[in-house]
Amino acid sequence: MRVSVDPVKCCAAGQCVLISPDVFDQADDGSVLVLLPEPPAERHAAVREAEAVCPGMAIQVEG
């Protein structure tokens, strides 16, 4: 799995950080940061949930 974020689409809602704080964080301006672009298998379900609930549809998951 590979995780990326489109910073233009990010609306800084922070849902991804609440769901998977070991994979996502927020910058000072609220935009999302990907801490683990290739998260371990045990985090895949949470990352997919974060992708699904992202209001800006900014999270892309490959694999």
Protein backbone atom coordinates (compact mmCIF):
# COMPACT_ATOMS: atom_id res chain seq x y z
CA MET A 1 0.00 0.00 0.00
CA ARG A 2 1.16 3.50 -0.85
CA VAL A 3 -0.55 6.58 0.62
CA SER A 4 -0.43 10.10 -0.76
CA VAL A 5 -2.39 13.30 -0.26
CA ASP A 6 -3.38 16.02 -2.69
CA PRO A 7 -2.67 19.22 -0.72
CA VAL A 8 -4.97 21.25 -2.98
CA LYS A 9 -7.96 19.06 -2.06
CA CYS A 10 -7.17 18.88 1.67
CA CYS A 11 -9.69 20.91 3.67
CA ALA A 12 -7.90 20.35 7.01
CA ALA A 13 -10.81 18.52 8.66
CA GLY A 14 -8.40 16.22 10.53
CA GLN A 15 -10.53 13.07 10.29
CA CYS A 16 -7.57 11.10 8.96
CA VAL A 17 -5.48 12.06 12.00
CA LEU A 18 -8.23 10.96 14.36
CA ILE A 19 -8.57 7.60 12.60
CA SER A 20 -4.90 6.83 12.02
CA PRO A 21 -2.57 9.18 13.95
CA ASP A 22 0.47 7.00 13.33
CA VAL A 23 0.05 7.44 9.55
CA PHE A 24 -1.31 11.01 9.33
CA ASP A 25 -0.59 14.29 11.10
CA GLN A 26 -1.49 17.92 10.53
CA ALA A 27 0.84 20.81 9.74
CA ASP A 28 0.52 24.14 11.56
CA ASP A 29 -1.86 25.35 8.84
CA GLY A 30 -4.05 22.25 9.33
CA SER A 31 -3.12 20.52 6.09
CA VAL A 32 -2.48 16.80 6.30
CA LEU A 33 0.99 15.27 6.44
CA VAL A 34 1.65 11.64 5.60
CA LEU A 35 4.00 10.22 8.22
CA LEU A 36 4.09 6.68 6.80
CA PRO A 37 3.63 6.68 3.02
CA GLU A 38 3.93 2.88 3.05
CA PRO A 39 2.14 1.83 6.25
CA PRO A 40 2.41 -1.70 7.63
CA ALA A 41 -0.36 -4.20 6.90
CA GLU A 42 -1.95 -3.80 10.32
CA ARG A 43 -2.69 -0.13 9.50
CA HIS A 44 -4.25 -0.75 6.06
CA ALA A 45 -7.85 -0.91 7.29
CA ALA A 46 -7.53 2.37 9.19
CA VAL A 47 -5.89 4.07 6.21
CA ARG A 48 -8.69 2.93 3.91
CA GLU A 49 -11.23 4.23 6.43
CA ALA A 50 -9.42 7.59 6.52
CA GLU A 51 -9.53 7.69 2.72
CA ALA A 52 -13.26 6.94 2.75
CA VAL A 53 -14.20 9.62 5.29
CA CYS A 54 -11.96 12.39 3.95
CA PRO A 55 -14.40 15.23 3.12
CA GLY A 56 -12.03 16.72 0.54
CA MET A 57 -11.28 13.34 -1.04
CA ALA A 58 -7.62 14.31 -0.72
CA ILE A 59 -6.22 10.90 0.30
CA GLN A 60 -5.15 8.47 -2.41
CA VAL A 61 -4.37 4.84 -1.61
CA GLU A 62 -2.66 2.56 -4.11
CA GLY A 63 -2.33 -1.15 -3.60
